[in-house]
Amino acid sequence: MDANGNSVVVGGRPSGCPTRFCGCEASLYVFGEIRKDLNLASNWIRKFPRTQPAAGMVAARSGHVFVLMSHVEGNQWLVHDGNSGGGKTRRHVRSIAGYVVVDPHATRVASR
């Protein structure tokens, strides 16, 4: 975001990412590499445990995923949002309502 609170375009589709690249961009941002298993947004929900919203966590739902950067107020967060519209990656404020928040730094442990 700029000093006036406007969204800022920080890039486009990264080389090596598919046309629908939100999951790919999120894996680059979080892990520093493309993890093809995370290209599908809903895979973030399957692969990582749910958690409370916090900086560095990921908000995902079927069809879209983005990285939480800082809390603004209520359910509004400043996010790193790949493929946020028009093939752009933006840093902007958006609601996490309807999203599942997961911890990409933890691994899911199967319970028996």
PDB file of N, CA and C in Angstrom:
ATOM      1  N   MET A   1       0.840  -1.176   0.000  1.00  0.00           N
ATOM      2  CA  MET A   1       0.000   0.000   0.000  1.00  0.00           C
ATOM      3  C   MET A   1       0.880   1.233   0.000  1.00  0.00           C
ATOM      4  N   ASP A   2       0.390   2.256  -0.678  1.00  0.00           N
ATOM      5  CA  ASP A   2       1.151   3.499  -0.661  1.00  0.00           C
ATOM      6  C   ASP A   2       0.747   4.347   0.543  1.00  0.00           C
ATOM      7  N   ALA A   3       1.321   5.518   0.672  1.00  0.00           N
ATOM      8  CA  ALA A   3       1.064   6.390   1.823  1.00  0.00           C
ATOM      9  C   ALA A   3      -0.388   6.831   1.921  1.00  0.00           C
ATOM     10  N   ASN A   4      -1.133   6.749   0.817  1.00  0.00           N
ATOM     11  CA  ASN A   4      -2.547   7.138   0.816  1.00  0.00           C
ATOM     12  C   ASN A   4      -3.486   5.957   1.021  1.00  0.00           C
ATOM     13  N   GLY A   5      -2.938   4.770   1.268  1.00  0.00           N
ATOM     14  CA  GLY A   5      -3.769   3.601   1.501  1.00  0.00           C
ATOM     15  C   GLY A   5      -4.234   2.911   0.234  1.00  0.00           C
ATOM     16  N   ASN A   6      -3.657   3.257  -0.903  1.00  0.00           N
ATOM     17  CA  ASN A   6      -4.038   2.630  -2.169  1.00  0.00           C
ATOM     18  C   ASN A   6      -3.250   1.347  -2.388  1.00  0.00           C
ATOM     19  N   SER A   7      -3.863   0.401  -3.122  1.00  0.00           N
ATOM     20  CA  SER A   7      -3.142  -0.822  -3.432  1.00  0.00           C
ATOM     21  C   SER A   7      -1.972  -0.509  -4.350  1.00  0.00           C
ATOM     22  N   VAL A   8      -0.947  -1.342  -4.262  1.00  0.00           N
ATOM     23  CA  VAL A   8       0.256  -1.163  -5.060  1.00  0.00           C
ATOM     24  C   VAL A   8       0.492  -2.442  -5.856  1.00  0.00           C
ATOM     25  N   VAL A   9       0.682  -2.303  -7.157  1.00  0.00           N
ATOM     26  CA  VAL A   9       1.033  -3.446  -7.990  1.00  0.00           C
ATOM     27  C   VAL A   9       2.513  -3.726  -7.766  1.00  0.00           C
ATOM     28  N   VAL A  10       2.826  -4.967  -7.373  1.00  0.00           N
ATOM     29  CA  VAL A  10       4.216  -5.327  -7.093  1.00  0.00           C
ATOM     30  C   VAL A  10       4.769  -6.329  -8.106  1.00  0.00           C
ATOM     31  N   GLY A  11       3.948  -6.716  -9.078  1.00  0.00           N
ATOM     32  CA  GLY A  11       4.429  -7.649 -10.094  1.00  0.00           C
ATOM     33  C   GLY A  11       3.300  -8.215 -10.914  1.00  0.00           C
ATOM     34  N   GLY A  12       3.669  -9.136 -11.771  1.00  0.00           N
ATOM     35  CA  GLY A  12       2.717  -9.846 -12.615  1.00  0.00           C
ATOM     36  C   GLY A  12       2.879 -11.334 -12.398  1.00  0.00           C
ATOM     37  N   ARG A  13       2.575 -12.119 -13.431  1.00  0.00           N
ATOM     38  CA  ARG A  13       2.711 -13.571 -13.317  1.00  0.00           C
ATOM     39  C   ARG A  13       4.191 -13.936 -13.375  1.00  0.00           C
ATOM     40  N   PRO A  14       4.690 -14.594 -12.323  1.00  0.00           N
ATOM     41  CA  PRO A  14       6.101 -14.992 -12.321  1.00  0.00           C
ATOM     42  C   PRO A  14       6.389 -16.055 -13.379  1.00  0.00           C
ATOM     43  N   SER A  15       7.582 -16.030 -13.912  1.00  0.00           N
ATOM     44  CA  SER A  15       8.022 -17.049 -14.854  1.00  0.00           C
ATOM     45  C   SER A  15       7.916 -18.420 -14.192  1.00  0.00           C
ATOM     46  N   GLY A  16       7.351 -19.366 -14.921  1.00  0.00           N
ATOM     47  CA  GLY A  16       7.201 -20.719 -14.393  1.00  0.00           C
ATOM     48  C   GLY A  16       5.885 -20.974 -13.697  1.00  0.00           C
ATOM     49  N   CYS A  17       5.081 -19.935 -13.510  1.00  0.00           N
ATOM     50  CA  CYS A  17       3.774 -20.090 -12.863  1.00  0.00           C
ATOM     51  C   CYS A  17       2.682 -20.244 -13.917  1.00  0.00           C
ATOM     52  N   PRO A  18       1.615 -20.990 -13.594  1.00  0.00           N
ATOM     53  CA  PRO A  18       0.501 -21.134 -14.536  1.00  0.00           C
ATOM     54  C   PRO A  18      -0.287 -19.828 -14.668  1.00  0.00           C
ATOM     55  N   THR A  19      -1.210 -19.798 -15.612  1.00  0.00           N
ATOM     56  CA  THR A  19      -2.024 -18.605 -15.847  1.00  0.00           C
ATOM     57  C   THR A  19      -2.776 -18.187 -14.594  1.00  0.00           C
ATOM     58  N   ARG A  20      -3.366 -19.127 -13.906  1.00  0.00           N
ATOM     59  CA  ARG A  20      -4.017 -18.857 -12.618  1.00  0.00           C
ATOM     60  C   ARG A  20      -2.942 -19.072 -11.556  1.00  0.00           C
ATOM     61  N   PHE A  21      -2.296 -17.987 -11.163  1.00  0.00           N
ATOM     62  CA  PHE A  21      -1.027 -18.125 -10.447  1.00  0.00           C
ATOM     63  C   PHE A  21      -1.037 -17.744  -8.977  1.00  0.00           C
ATOM     64  N   CYS A  22      -2.187 -17.573  -8.349  1.00  0.00           N
ATOM     65  CA  CYS A  22      -2.172 -17.128  -6.951  1.00  0.00           C
ATOM     66  C   CYS A  22      -1.432 -18.099  -6.036  1.00  0.00           C
ATOM     67  N   GLY A  23      -1.653 -19.404  -6.196  1.00  0.00           N
ATOM     68  CA  GLY A  23      -0.973 -20.388  -5.358  1.00  0.00           C
ATOM     69  C   GLY A  23       0.515 -20.436  -5.614  1.00  0.00           C
ATOM     70  N   CYS A  24       0.886 -20.333  -6.870  1.00  0.00           N
ATOM     71  CA  CYS A  24       2.295 -20.323  -7.263  1.00  0.00           C
ATOM     72  C   CYS A  24       3.001 -19.096  -6.691  1.00  0.00           C
ATOM     73  N   GLU A  25       2.384 -17.932  -6.825  1.00  0.00           N
ATOM     74  CA  GLU A  25       2.960 -16.688  -6.287  1.00  0.00           C
ATOM     75  C   GLU A  25       3.076 -16.759  -4.768  1.00  0.00           C
ATOM     76  N   ALA A  26       2.053 -17.314  -4.104  1.00  0.00           N
ATOM     77  CA  ALA A  26       2.106 -17.438  -2.645  1.00  0.00           C
ATOM     78  C   ALA A  26       3.260 -18.348  -2.223  1.00  0.00           C
ATOM     79  N   SER A  27       3.486 -19.447  -2.956  1.00  0.00           N
ATOM     80  CA  SER A  27       4.597 -20.335  -2.589  1.00  0.00           C
ATOM     81  C   SER A  27       5.945 -19.644  -2.800  1.00  0.00           C
ATOM     82  N   LEU A  28       6.062 -18.841  -3.849  1.00  0.00           N
ATOM     83  CA  LEU A  28       7.294 -18.065  -4.048  1.00  0.00           C
ATOM     84  C   LEU A  28       7.508 -17.078  -2.906  1.00  0.00           C
ATOM     85  N   TYR A  29       6.446 -16.415  -2.491  1.00  0.00           N
ATOM     86  CA  TYR A  29       6.541 -15.411  -1.430  1.00  0.00           C
ATOM     87  C   TYR A  29       6.883 -16.058  -0.080  1.00  0.00           C
ATOM     88  N   VAL A  30       6.224 -17.181   0.214  1.00  0.00           N
ATOM     89  CA  VAL A  30       6.404 -17.835   1.519  1.00  0.00           C
ATOM     90  C   VAL A  30       7.676 -18.678   1.575  1.00  0.00           C
ATOM     91  N   PHE A  31       7.933 -19.471   0.516  1.00  0.00           N
ATOM     92  CA  PHE A  31       9.029 -20.445   0.554  1.00  0.00           C
ATOM     93  C   PHE A  31      10.227 -20.072  -0.324  1.00  0.00           C
ATOM     94  N   GLY A  32      10.072 -19.042  -1.158  1.00  0.00           N
ATOM     95  CA  GLY A  32      11.160 -18.649  -2.038  1.00  0.00           C
ATOM     96  C   GLY A  32      11.336 -19.538  -3.247  1.00  0.00           C
ATOM     97  N   GLU A  33      10.362 -20.408  -3.501  1.00  0.00           N
ATOM     98  CA  GLU A  33      10.417 -21.306  -4.654  1.00  0.00           C
ATOM     99  C   GLU A  33       9.006 -21.707  -5.066  1.00  0.00           C
ATOM    100  N   ILE A  34       8.877 -22.138  -6.310  1.00  0.00           N
ATOM    101  CA  ILE A  34       7.588 -22.636  -6.790  1.00  0.00           C
ATOM    102  C   ILE A  34       7.413 -24.056  -6.279  1.00  0.00           C
ATOM    103  N   ARG A  35       6.338 -24.260  -5.557  1.00  0.00           N
ATOM    104  CA  ARG A  35       5.972 -25.607  -5.123  1.00  0.00           C
ATOM    105  C   ARG A  35       4.706 -25.967  -5.889  1.00  0.00           C
ATOM    106  N   LYS A  36       4.880 -26.770  -6.932  1.00  0.00           N
ATOM    107  CA  LYS A  36       3.777 -27.071  -7.850  1.00  0.00           C
ATOM    108  C   LYS A  36       2.568 -27.658  -7.143  1.00  0.00           C
ATOM    109  N   ASP A  37       2.788 -28.379  -6.045  1.00  0.00           N
ATOM    110  CA  ASP A  37       1.663 -28.950  -5.306  1.00  0.00           C
ATOM    111  C   ASP A  37       0.793 -27.870  -4.678  1.00  0.00           C
ATOM    112  N   LEU A  38       1.293 -26.640  -4.604  1.00  0.00           N
ATOM    113  CA  LEU A  38       0.529 -25.537  -4.013  1.00  0.00           C
ATOM    114  C   LEU A  38      -0.043 -24.583  -5.063  1.00  0.00           C
ATOM    115  N   ASN A  39       0.086 -24.923  -6.347  1.00  0.00           N
ATOM    116  CA  ASN A  39      -0.507 -24.080  -7.385  1.00  0.00           C
ATOM    117  C   ASN A  39      -2.020 -24.012  -7.247  1.00  0.00           C
ATOM    118  N   LEU A  40      -2.648 -25.104  -6.849  1.00  0.00           N
ATOM    119  CA  LEU A  40      -4.094 -25.140  -6.637  1.00  0.00           C
ATOM    120  C   LEU A  40      -4.390 -24.546  -5.261  1.00  0.00           C
ATOM    121  N   ALA A  41      -5.154 -23.478  -5.243  1.00  0.00           N
ATOM    122  CA  ALA A  41      -5.408 -22.740  -3.994  1.00  0.00           C
ATOM    123  C   ALA A  41      -5.928 -23.634  -2.873  1.00  0.00           C
ATOM    124  N   SER A  42      -6.855 -24.529  -3.180  1.00  0.00           N
ATOM    125  CA  SER A  42      -7.442 -25.365  -2.126  1.00  0.00           C
ATOM    126  C   SER A  42      -6.435 -26.347  -1.529  1.00  0.00           C
ATOM    127  N   ASN A  43      -5.329 -26.619  -2.214  1.00  0.00           N
ATOM    128  CA  ASN A  43      -4.308 -27.511  -1.643  1.00  0.00           C
ATOM    129  C   ASN A  43      -3.658 -26.915  -0.404  1.00  0.00           C
ATOM    130  N   TRP A  44      -3.637 -25.590  -0.299  1.00  0.00           N
ATOM    131  CA  TRP A  44      -3.094 -24.966   0.911  1.00  0.00           C
ATOM    132  C   TRP A  44      -3.911 -25.400   2.130  1.00  0.00           C
ATOM    133  N   ILE A  45      -5.217 -25.540   1.967  1.00  0.00           N
ATOM    134  CA  ILE A  45      -6.085 -25.963   3.074  1.00  0.00           C
ATOM    135  C   ILE A  45      -5.823 -27.424   3.414  1.00  0.00           C
ATOM    136  N   ARG A  46      -5.585 -28.255   2.401  1.00  0.00           N
ATOM    137  CA  ARG A  46      -5.349 -29.674   2.625  1.00  0.00           C
ATOM    138  C   ARG A  46      -3.975 -29.953   3.246  1.00  0.00           C
ATOM    139  N   LYS A  47      -2.979 -29.158   2.900  1.00  0.00           N
ATOM    140  CA  LYS A  47      -1.604 -29.459   3.294  1.00  0.00           C
ATOM    141  C   LYS A  47      -1.137 -28.825   4.601  1.00  0.00           C
ATOM    142  N   PHE A  48      -1.823 -27.772   5.041  1.00  0.00           N
ATOM    143  CA  PHE A  48      -1.364 -27.064   6.234  1.00  0.00           C
ATOM    144  C   PHE A  48      -2.469 -26.954   7.275  1.00  0.00           C
ATOM    145  N   PRO A  49      -2.088 -26.944   8.562  1.00  0.00           N
ATOM    146  CA  PRO A  49      -3.095 -26.863   9.623  1.00  0.00           C
ATOM    147  C   PRO A  49      -3.725 -25.471   9.706  1.00  0.00           C
ATOM    148  N   ARG A  50      -4.970 -25.473  10.105  1.00  0.00           N
ATOM    149  CA  ARG A  50      -5.689 -24.211  10.320  1.00  0.00           C
ATOM    150  C   ARG A  50      -5.109 -23.492  11.525  1.00  0.00           C
ATOM    151  N   THR A  51      -5.215 -22.187  11.498  1.00  0.00           N
ATOM    152  CA  THR A  51      -4.686 -21.380  12.592  1.00  0.00           C
ATOM    153  C   THR A  51      -5.448 -20.067  12.667  1.00  0.00           C
ATOM    154  N   GLN A  52      -5.073 -19.244  13.612  1.00  0.00           N
ATOM    155  CA  GLN A  52      -5.656 -17.914  13.748  1.00  0.00           C
ATOM    156  C   GLN A  52      -4.940 -16.952  12.794  1.00  0.00           C
ATOM    157  N   PRO A  53      -5.628 -15.924  12.344  1.00  0.00           N
ATOM    158  CA  PRO A  53      -4.980 -14.942  11.468  1.00  0.00           C
ATOM    159  C   PRO A  53      -3.796 -14.271  12.163  1.00  0.00           C
ATOM    160  N   ALA A  54      -2.688 -14.170  11.452  1.00  0.00           N
ATOM    161  CA  ALA A  54      -1.479 -13.499  11.938  1.00  0.00           C
ATOM    162  C   ALA A  54      -0.585 -13.232  10.733  1.00  0.00           C
ATOM    163  N   ALA A  55       0.305 -12.288  10.870  1.00  0.00           N
ATOM    164  CA  ALA A  55       1.244 -11.994   9.788  1.00  0.00           C
ATOM    165  C   ALA A  55       2.016 -13.255   9.418  1.00  0.00           C
ATOM    166  N   GLY A  56       2.162 -13.505   8.121  1.00  0.00           N
ATOM    167  CA  GLY A  56       2.877 -14.673   7.633  1.00  0.00           C
ATOM    168  C   GLY A  56       2.006 -15.886   7.404  1.00  0.00           C
ATOM    169  N   MET A  57       0.766 -15.846   7.899  1.00  0.00           N
ATOM    170  CA  MET A  57      -0.157 -16.938   7.648  1.00  0.00           C
ATOM    171  C   MET A  57      -0.776 -16.745   6.259  1.00  0.00           C
ATOM    172  N   VAL A  58      -1.486 -17.767   5.789  1.00  0.00           N
ATOM    173  CA  VAL A  58      -2.064 -17.748   4.448  1.00  0.00           C
ATOM    174  C   VAL A  58      -3.574 -17.924   4.542  1.00  0.00           C
ATOM    175  N   ALA A  59      -4.302 -17.122   3.781  1.00  0.00           N
ATOM    176  CA  ALA A  59      -5.762 -17.238   3.695  1.00  0.00           C
ATOM    177  C   ALA A  59      -6.090 -17.924   2.375  1.00  0.00           C
ATOM    178  N   ALA A  60      -6.884 -18.993   2.437  1.00  0.00           N
ATOM    179  CA  ALA A  60      -7.186 -19.771   1.235  1.00  0.00           C
ATOM    180  C   ALA A  60      -8.651 -20.173   1.199  1.00  0.00           C
ATOM    181  N   ARG A  61      -9.121 -20.373  -0.011  1.00  0.00           N
ATOM    182  CA  ARG A  61     -10.441 -20.953  -0.266  1.00  0.00           C
ATOM    183  C   ARG A  61     -10.344 -21.579  -1.650  1.00  0.00           C
ATOM    184  N   SER A  62     -11.359 -22.259  -2.051  1.00  0.00           N
ATOM    185  CA  SER A  62     -11.364 -22.820  -3.391  1.00  0.00           C
ATOM    186  C   SER A  62     -11.269 -21.674  -4.396  1.00  0.00           C
ATOM    187  N   GLY A  63     -10.225 -21.653  -5.186  1.00  0.00           N
ATOM    188  CA  GLY A  63     -10.085 -20.646  -6.227  1.00  0.00           C
ATOM    189  C   GLY A  63      -9.173 -19.478  -5.930  1.00  0.00           C
ATOM    190  N   HIS A  64      -8.762 -19.272  -4.663  1.00  0.00           N
ATOM    191  CA  HIS A  64      -7.853 -18.147  -4.401  1.00  0.00           C
ATOM    192  C   HIS A  64      -7.115 -18.323  -3.075  1.00  0.00           C
ATOM    193  N   VAL A  65      -5.918 -17.754  -3.038  1.00  0.00           N
ATOM    194  CA  VAL A  65      -5.062 -17.803  -1.851  1.00  0.00           C
ATOM    195  C   VAL A  65      -4.201 -16.543  -1.827  1.00  0.00           C
ATOM    196  N   PHE A  66      -3.931 -16.019  -0.625  1.00  0.00           N
ATOM    197  CA  PHE A  66      -3.034 -14.870  -0.474  1.00  0.00           C
ATOM    198  C   PHE A  66      -2.371 -14.922   0.892  1.00  0.00           C
ATOM    199  N   VAL A  67      -1.306 -14.136   1.051  1.00  0.00           N
ATOM    200  CA  VAL A  67      -0.501 -14.149   2.275  1.00  0.00           C
ATOM    201  C   VAL A  67      -0.845 -12.931   3.130  1.00  0.00           C
ATOM    202  N   LEU A  68      -1.093 -13.164   4.427  1.00  0.00           N
ATOM    203  CA  LEU A  68      -1.391 -12.076   5.360  1.00  0.00           C
ATOM    204  C   LEU A  68      -0.096 -11.365   5.743  1.00  0.00           C
ATOM    205  N   MET A  69      -0.120 -10.035   5.653  1.00  0.00           N
ATOM    206  CA  MET A  69       1.068  -9.248   5.994  1.00  0.00           C
ATOM    207  C   MET A  69       0.893  -8.509   7.313  1.00  0.00           C
ATOM    208  N   SER A  70      -0.209  -7.769   7.467  1.00  0.00           N
ATOM    209  CA  SER A  70      -0.459  -7.074   8.732  1.00  0.00           C
ATOM    210  C   SER A  70      -1.948  -6.800   8.886  1.00  0.00           C
ATOM    211  N   HIS A  71      -2.394  -6.841  10.138  1.00  0.00           N
ATOM    212  CA  HIS A  71      -3.799  -6.622  10.456  1.00  0.00           C
ATOM    213  C   HIS A  71      -4.124  -5.139  10.373  1.00  0.00           C
ATOM    214  N   VAL A  72      -5.264  -4.821   9.764  1.00  0.00           N
ATOM    215  CA  VAL A  72      -5.718  -3.433   9.660  1.00  0.00           C
ATOM    216  C   VAL A  72      -6.787  -3.186  10.711  1.00  0.00           C
ATOM    217  N   GLU A  73      -7.932  -3.864  10.586  1.00  0.00           N
ATOM    218  CA  GLU A  73      -8.993  -3.826  11.599  1.00  0.00           C
ATOM    219  C   GLU A  73     -10.045  -4.852  11.230  1.00  0.00           C
ATOM    220  N   GLY A  74     -10.717  -5.387  12.248  1.00  0.00           N
ATOM    221  CA  GLY A  74     -11.757  -6.382  11.986  1.00  0.00           C
ATOM    222  C   GLY A  74     -11.206  -7.530  11.162  1.00  0.00           C
ATOM    223  N   ASN A  75     -11.888  -7.836  10.043  1.00  0.00           N
ATOM    224  CA  ASN A  75     -11.403  -8.916   9.181  1.00  0.00           C
ATOM    225  C   ASN A  75     -10.592  -8.382   7.992  1.00  0.00           C
ATOM    226  N   GLN A  76     -10.163  -7.127   8.077  1.00  0.00           N
ATOM    227  CA  GLN A  76      -9.378  -6.491   7.015  1.00  0.00           C
ATOM    228  C   GLN A  76      -7.874  -6.653   7.284  1.00  0.00           C
ATOM    229  N   TRP A  77      -7.162  -7.118   6.277  1.00  0.00           N
ATOM    230  CA  TRP A  77      -5.723  -7.342   6.374  1.00  0.00           C
ATOM    231  C   TRP A  77      -5.009  -6.748   5.171  1.00  0.00           C
ATOM    232  N   LEU A  78      -3.798  -6.260   5.389  1.00  0.00           N
ATOM    233  CA  LEU A  78      -2.908  -5.936   4.287  1.00  0.00           C
ATOM    234  C   LEU A  78      -2.336  -7.272   3.833  1.00  0.00           C
ATOM    235  N   VAL A  79      -2.450  -7.563   2.537  1.00  0.00           N
ATOM    236  CA  VAL A  79      -2.064  -8.878   2.033  1.00  0.00           C
ATOM    237  C   VAL A  79      -1.145  -8.769   0.824  1.00  0.00           C
ATOM    238  N   HIS A  80      -0.394  -9.829   0.591  1.00  0.00           N
ATOM    239  CA  HIS A  80       0.370 -10.026  -0.645  1.00  0.00           C
ATOM    240  C   HIS A  80      -0.499 -10.953  -1.477  1.00  0.00           C
ATOM    241  N   ASP A  81      -1.027 -10.443  -2.593  1.00  0.00           N
ATOM    242  CA  ASP A  81      -2.117 -11.095  -3.316  1.00  0.00           C
ATOM    243  C   ASP A  81      -1.759 -11.331  -4.781  1.00  0.00           C
ATOM    244  N   GLY A  82      -1.276 -12.535  -5.076  1.00  0.00           N
ATOM    245  CA  GLY A  82      -0.949 -12.905  -6.451  1.00  0.00           C
ATOM    246  C   GLY A  82      -2.203 -13.119  -7.275  1.00  0.00           C
ATOM    247  N   ASN A  83      -2.180 -12.678  -8.518  1.00  0.00           N
ATOM    248  CA  ASN A  83      -3.313 -12.786  -9.437  1.00  0.00           C
ATOM    249  C   ASN A  83      -4.562 -12.147  -8.842  1.00  0.00           C
ATOM    250  N   SER A  84      -4.387 -10.955  -8.317  1.00  0.00           N
ATOM    251  CA  SER A  84      -5.487 -10.247  -7.642  1.00  0.00           C
ATOM    252  C   SER A  84      -6.410  -9.521  -8.609  1.00  0.00           C
ATOM    253  N   GLY A  85      -6.174  -9.683  -9.873  1.00  0.00           N
ATOM    254  CA  GLY A  85      -7.005  -9.062 -10.906  1.00  0.00           C
ATOM    255  C   GLY A  85      -6.133  -8.536 -12.023  1.00  0.00           C
ATOM    256  N   GLY A  86      -6.521  -8.815 -13.242  1.00  0.00           N
ATOM    257  CA  GLY A  86      -5.768  -8.327 -14.390  1.00  0.00           C
ATOM    258  C   GLY A  86      -4.373  -8.906 -14.503  1.00  0.00           C
ATOM    259  N   GLY A  87      -4.153 -10.091 -13.916  1.00  0.00           N
ATOM    260  CA  GLY A  87      -2.836 -10.722 -13.990  1.00  0.00           C
ATOM    261  C   GLY A  87      -1.765 -10.022 -13.176  1.00  0.00           C
ATOM    262  N   LYS A  88      -2.171  -9.283 -12.158  1.00  0.00           N
ATOM    263  CA  LYS A  88      -1.228  -8.517 -11.331  1.00  0.00           C
ATOM    264  C   LYS A  88      -1.114  -9.103  -9.929  1.00  0.00           C
ATOM    265  N   THR A  89       0.031  -8.863  -9.310  1.00  0.00           N
ATOM    266  CA  THR A  89       0.233  -9.170  -7.897  1.00  0.00           C
ATOM    267  C   THR A  89       0.230  -7.838  -7.171  1.00  0.00           C
ATOM    268  N   ARG A  90      -0.601  -7.761  -6.130  1.00  0.00           N
ATOM    269  CA  ARG A  90      -0.756  -6.498  -5.405  1.00  0.00           C
ATOM    270  C   ARG A  90      -0.523  -6.685  -3.912  1.00  0.00           C
ATOM    271  N   ARG A  91      -0.163  -5.576  -3.277  1.00  0.00           N
ATOM    272  CA  ARG A  91      -0.235  -5.457  -1.821  1.00  0.00           C
ATOM    273  C   ARG A  91      -1.375  -4.503  -1.588  1.00  0.00           C
ATOM    274  N   HIS A  92      -2.409  -5.012  -0.945  1.00  0.00           N
ATOM    275  CA  HIS A  92      -3.592  -4.192  -0.700  1.00  0.00           C
ATOM    276  C   HIS A  92      -4.361  -4.747   0.482  1.00  0.00           C
ATOM    277  N   VAL A  93      -5.341  -3.987   0.931  1.00  0.00           N
ATOM    278  CA  VAL A  93      -6.183  -4.406   2.050  1.00  0.00           C
ATOM    279  C   VAL A  93      -7.371  -5.162   1.488  1.00  0.00           C
ATOM    280  N   ARG A  94      -7.645  -6.316   2.089  1.00  0.00           N
ATOM    281  CA  ARG A  94      -8.836  -7.061   1.710  1.00  0.00           C
ATOM    282  C   ARG A  94      -9.347  -7.863   2.897  1.00  0.00           C
ATOM    283  N   SER A  95     -10.581  -8.273   2.785  1.00  0.00           N
ATOM    284  CA  SER A  95     -11.235  -9.036   3.838  1.00  0.00           C
ATOM    285  C   SER A  95     -10.807 -10.498   3.775  1.00  0.00           C
ATOM    286  N   ILE A  96     -10.688 -11.115   4.942  1.00  0.00           N
ATOM    287  CA  ILE A  96     -10.421 -12.550   4.989  1.00  0.00           C
ATOM    288  C   ILE A  96     -11.699 -13.336   5.270  1.00  0.00           C
ATOM    289  N   ALA A  97     -12.850 -12.644   5.290  1.00  0.00           N
ATOM    290  CA  ALA A  97     -14.134 -13.329   5.493  1.00  0.00           C
ATOM    291  C   ALA A  97     -14.317 -14.383   4.400  1.00  0.00           C
ATOM    292  N   GLY A  98     -14.696 -15.584   4.802  1.00  0.00           N
ATOM    293  CA  GLY A  98     -14.915 -16.665   3.852  1.00  0.00           C
ATOM    294  C   GLY A  98     -13.667 -17.460   3.518  1.00  0.00           C
ATOM    295  N   TYR A  99     -12.541 -17.074   4.073  1.00  0.00           N
ATOM    296  CA  TYR A  99     -11.284 -17.780   3.832  1.00  0.00           C
ATOM    297  C   TYR A  99     -10.915 -18.626   5.045  1.00  0.00           C
ATOM    298  N   VAL A 100     -10.168 -19.682   4.806  1.00  0.00           N
ATOM    299  CA  VAL A 100      -9.589 -20.506   5.861  1.00  0.00           C
ATOM    300  C   VAL A 100      -8.150 -20.029   6.030  1.00  0.00           C
ATOM    301  N   VAL A 101      -7.750 -19.744   7.261  1.00  0.00           N
ATOM    302  CA  VAL A 101      -6.375 -19.308   7.517  1.00  0.00           C
ATOM    303  C   VAL A 101      -5.558 -20.527   7.936  1.00  0.00           C
ATOM    304  N   VAL A 102      -4.415 -20.706   7.259  1.00  0.00           N
ATOM    305  CA  VAL A 102      -3.544 -21.848   7.546  1.00  0.00           C
ATOM    306  C   VAL A 102      -2.129 -21.365   7.845  1.00  0.00           C
ATOM    307  N   ASP A 103      -1.372 -22.235   8.521  1.00  0.00           N
ATOM    308  CA  ASP A 103       0.018 -21.937   8.869  1.00  0.00           C
ATOM    309  C   ASP A 103       0.941 -22.692   7.919  1.00  0.00           C
ATOM    310  N   PRO A 104       1.523 -22.009   6.933  1.00  0.00           N
ATOM    311  CA  PRO A 104       2.377 -22.698   5.968  1.00  0.00           C
ATOM    312  C   PRO A 104       3.734 -23.115   6.537  1.00  0.00           C
ATOM    313  N   HIS A 105       4.017 -22.728   7.761  1.00  0.00           N
ATOM    314  CA  HIS A 105       5.296 -23.062   8.385  1.00  0.00           C
ATOM    315  C   HIS A 105       5.183 -24.301   9.273  1.00  0.00           C
ATOM    316  N   ALA A 106       3.976 -24.842   9.368  1.00  0.00           N
ATOM    317  CA  ALA A 106       3.737 -26.061  10.150  1.00  0.00           C
ATOM    318  C   ALA A 106       3.323 -27.164   9.177  1.00  0.00           C
ATOM    319  N   THR A 107       3.493 -28.391   9.600  1.00  0.00           N
ATOM    320  CA  THR A 107       3.046 -29.499   8.761  1.00  0.00           C
ATOM    321  C   THR A 107       1.826 -30.131   9.392  1.00  0.00           C
ATOM    322  N   ARG A 108       0.962 -30.614   8.540  1.00  0.00           N
ATOM    323  CA  ARG A 108      -0.251 -31.272   9.017  1.00  0.00           C
ATOM    324  C   ARG A 108       0.133 -32.665   9.492  1.00  0.00           C
ATOM    325  N   VAL A 109      -0.312 -33.024  10.678  1.00  0.00           N
ATOM    326  CA  VAL A 109      -0.048 -34.344  11.230  1.00  0.00           C
ATOM    327  C   VAL A 109      -1.356 -35.118  11.212  1.00  0.00           C
ATOM    328  N   ALA A 110      -1.330 -36.263  10.578  1.00  0.00           N
ATOM    329  CA  ALA A 110      -2.544 -37.083  10.501  1.00  0.00           C
ATOM    330  C   ALA A 110      -2.854 -37.656  11.874  1.00  0.00           C
ATOM    331  N   SER A 111      -4.101 -37.531  12.272  1.00  0.00           N
ATOM    332  CA  SER A 111      -4.517 -38.127  13.549  1.00  0.00           C
ATOM    333  C   SER A 111      -5.182 -39.463  13.263  1.00  0.00           C
ATOM    334  N   ARG A 112      -5.009 -40.397  14.177  1.00  0.00           N
ATOM    335  CA  ARG A 112      -5.591 -41.733  13.975  1.00  0.00           C
ATOM    336  C   ARG A 112      -6.673 -41.981  14.973  1.00  0.00           C
TER     337      ARG A 112
END
